[in-house]
Amino acid sequence: MSVTEGDRRPPAELEDEQAAQVTYSVPPVGEEIHLPSGSVLPLITAIGVTLTLIGTTIWIGWSILGLIILVTAVGLWIRDVRHDIDALPDEPHHRH
């Protein structure tokens, strides 16, 4: 609906009416939504990156330790994501 010159309703009333006409794309009722499990791997990855960067200015040992932590954490994170993706159904399932 567009506002015309002859329409003298308050703007708030027009906005409510226009908002009511908006349709949203939502999953059908009963469709399961997948959420990944909680993980500390993003935090561990950030620690690895931080140690790697700090080590470039303070001591190379921190960089080596940071790289080991970083590579390990990213590898575990990828493994977990692949496991989560494999657990998903091939096609959406609806509960009835």
C-alpha atoms as a PDB file:
ATOM      1  CA  MET A   1       0.000   0.000   0.000  1.00  0.00           C
ATOM      2  CA  SER A   2       1.359   3.388  -0.850  1.00  0.00           C
ATOM      3  CA  VAL A   3       0.532   6.638   0.852  1.00  0.00           C
ATOM      4  CA  THR A   4      -1.561   8.834  -1.399  1.00  0.00           C
ATOM      5  CA  GLU A   5      -2.205  12.565  -1.248  1.00  0.00           C
ATOM      6  CA  GLY A   6      -5.783  12.006  -0.040  1.00  0.00           C
ATOM      7  CA  ASP A   7      -4.801   9.646   2.799  1.00  0.00           C
ATOM      8  CA  ARG A   8      -4.788  11.714   5.992  1.00  0.00           C
ATOM      9  CA  ARG A   9      -4.322   8.944   8.559  1.00  0.00           C
ATOM     10  CA  PRO A  10      -1.517   9.383  11.125  1.00  0.00           C
ATOM     11  CA  PRO A  11       1.817   7.903   9.940  1.00  0.00           C
ATOM     12  CA  ALA A  12       1.903   5.361  12.800  1.00  0.00           C
ATOM     13  CA  GLU A  13      -1.413   3.893  11.670  1.00  0.00           C
ATOM     14  CA  LEU A  14      -0.163   3.635   8.087  1.00  0.00           C
ATOM     15  CA  GLU A  15       3.041   1.896   9.227  1.00  0.00           C
ATOM     16  CA  ASP A  16       1.064  -0.670  11.257  1.00  0.00           C
ATOM     17  CA  GLU A  17      -1.139  -1.450   8.271  1.00  0.00           C
ATOM     18  CA  GLN A  18       1.854  -1.777   5.949  1.00  0.00           C
ATOM     19  CA  ALA A  19       3.681  -3.999   8.442  1.00  0.00           C
ATOM     20  CA  ALA A  20       0.638  -6.276   8.628  1.00  0.00           C
ATOM     21  CA  GLN A  21       0.819  -6.815   4.860  1.00  0.00           C
ATOM     22  CA  VAL A  22       4.443  -7.996   4.931  1.00  0.00           C
ATOM     23  CA  THR A  23       4.885 -11.742   4.594  1.00  0.00           C
ATOM     24  CA  TYR A  24       7.910 -13.466   6.031  1.00  0.00           C
ATOM     25  CA  SER A  25       9.641 -16.589   4.817  1.00  0.00           C
ATOM     26  CA  VAL A  26       9.681 -18.847   7.853  1.00  0.00           C
ATOM     27  CA  PRO A  27      10.117 -22.600   8.124  1.00  0.00           C
ATOM     28  CA  PRO A  28       6.874 -24.590   8.047  1.00  0.00           C
ATOM     29  CA  VAL A  29       5.340 -25.399  11.407  1.00  0.00           C
ATOM     30  CA  GLY A  30       7.127 -28.341  12.941  1.00  0.00           C
ATOM     31  CA  GLU A  31      10.280 -28.150  10.821  1.00  0.00           C
ATOM     32  CA  GLU A  32      13.367 -28.711  12.923  1.00  0.00           C
ATOM     33  CA  ILE A  33      15.972 -25.966  13.049  1.00  0.00           C
ATOM     34  CA  HIS A  34      19.569 -27.116  13.416  1.00  0.00           C
ATOM     35  CA  LEU A  35      21.779 -25.229  15.850  1.00  0.00           C
ATOM     36  CA  PRO A  36      25.437 -26.161  16.245  1.00  0.00           C
ATOM     37  CA  SER A  37      26.544 -27.332  19.655  1.00  0.00           C
ATOM     38  CA  GLY A  38      28.438 -24.992  21.937  1.00  0.00           C
ATOM     39  CA  SER A  39      32.210 -25.043  21.664  1.00  0.00           C
ATOM     40  CA  VAL A  40      35.314 -23.472  23.185  1.00  0.00           C
ATOM     41  CA  LEU A  41      37.212 -23.894  19.908  1.00  0.00           C
ATOM     42  CA  PRO A  42      36.635 -20.283  18.742  1.00  0.00           C
ATOM     43  CA  LEU A  43      38.154 -19.061  22.013  1.00  0.00           C
ATOM     44  CA  ILE A  44      41.121 -21.431  21.712  1.00  0.00           C
ATOM     45  CA  THR A  45      41.630 -20.314  18.096  1.00  0.00           C
ATOM     46  CA  ALA A  46      41.668 -16.676  19.236  1.00  0.00           C
ATOM     47  CA  ILE A  47      44.246 -17.529  21.897  1.00  0.00           C
ATOM     48  CA  GLY A  48      46.422 -19.201  19.256  1.00  0.00           C
ATOM     49  CA  VAL A  49      46.209 -16.175  16.964  1.00  0.00           C
ATOM     50  CA  THR A  50      46.997 -13.839  19.870  1.00  0.00           C
ATOM     51  CA  LEU A  51      50.048 -15.836  20.953  1.00  0.00           C
ATOM     52  CA  THR A  52      51.282 -15.981  17.366  1.00  0.00           C
ATOM     53  CA  LEU A  53      51.036 -12.211  16.980  1.00  0.00           C
ATOM     54  CA  ILE A  54      52.519 -11.453  20.395  1.00  0.00           C
ATOM     55  CA  GLY A  55      55.394 -13.810  19.661  1.00  0.00           C
ATOM     56  CA  THR A  56      56.396 -11.793  16.608  1.00  0.00           C
ATOM     57  CA  THR A  57      57.433  -8.928  18.907  1.00  0.00           C
ATOM     58  CA  ILE A  58      58.358 -10.593  22.206  1.00  0.00           C
ATOM     59  CA  TRP A  59      59.762 -14.087  21.729  1.00  0.00           C
ATOM     60  CA  ILE A  60      59.577 -16.547  18.811  1.00  0.00           C
ATOM     61  CA  GLY A  61      58.628 -19.332  21.229  1.00  0.00           C
ATOM     62  CA  TRP A  62      55.225 -17.704  21.768  1.00  0.00           C
ATOM     63  CA  SER A  63      54.674 -17.660  18.018  1.00  0.00           C
ATOM     64  CA  ILE A  64      55.533 -21.333  17.694  1.00  0.00           C
ATOM     65  CA  LEU A  65      53.242 -22.232  20.604  1.00  0.00           C
ATOM     66  CA  GLY A  66      50.501 -20.014  19.143  1.00  0.00           C
ATOM     67  CA  LEU A  67      50.783 -21.662  15.725  1.00  0.00           C
ATOM     68  CA  ILE A  68      50.576 -25.132  17.256  1.00  0.00           C
ATOM     69  CA  ILE A  69      47.463 -24.130  19.229  1.00  0.00           C
ATOM     70  CA  LEU A  70      45.969 -22.391  16.185  1.00  0.00           C
ATOM     71  CA  VAL A  71      46.462 -25.283  13.772  1.00  0.00           C
ATOM     72  CA  THR A  72      45.189 -27.822  16.312  1.00  0.00           C
ATOM     73  CA  ALA A  73      42.103 -25.759  17.195  1.00  0.00           C
ATOM     74  CA  VAL A  74      41.203 -25.076  13.556  1.00  0.00           C
ATOM     75  CA  GLY A  75      41.611 -28.772  12.719  1.00  0.00           C
ATOM     76  CA  LEU A  76      39.352 -29.807  15.606  1.00  0.00           C
ATOM     77  CA  TRP A  77      36.836 -27.101  14.686  1.00  0.00           C
ATOM     78  CA  ILE A  78      36.676 -28.335  11.070  1.00  0.00           C
ATOM     79  CA  ARG A  79      36.265 -31.918  12.305  1.00  0.00           C
ATOM     80  CA  ASP A  80      33.370 -30.889  14.561  1.00  0.00           C
ATOM     81  CA  VAL A  81      31.638 -28.955  11.773  1.00  0.00           C
ATOM     82  CA  ARG A  82      31.967 -31.905   9.388  1.00  0.00           C
ATOM     83  CA  HIS A  83      30.509 -34.195  12.057  1.00  0.00           C
ATOM     84  CA  ASP A  84      27.567 -31.780  12.559  1.00  0.00           C
ATOM     85  CA  ILE A  85      26.958 -31.557   8.802  1.00  0.00           C
ATOM     86  CA  ASP A  86      27.045 -35.350   8.445  1.00  0.00           C
ATOM     87  CA  ALA A  87      24.421 -35.629  11.198  1.00  0.00           C
ATOM     88  CA  LEU A  88      21.967 -33.400   9.285  1.00  0.00           C
ATOM     89  CA  PRO A  89      19.232 -35.076   7.242  1.00  0.00           C
ATOM     90  CA  ASP A  90      19.660 -34.989   3.468  1.00  0.00           C
ATOM     91  CA  GLU A  91      16.237 -33.427   2.986  1.00  0.00           C
ATOM     92  CA  PRO A  92      14.168 -31.274   5.323  1.00  0.00           C
ATOM     93  CA  HIS A  93      11.894 -33.335   7.532  1.00  0.00           C
ATOM     94  CA  HIS A  94       8.603 -32.068   8.843  1.00  0.00           C
ATOM     95  CA  ARG A  95       7.022 -33.201  12.065  1.00  0.00           C
ATOM     96  CA  HIS A  96       3.294 -33.838  11.799  1.00  0.00           C
END
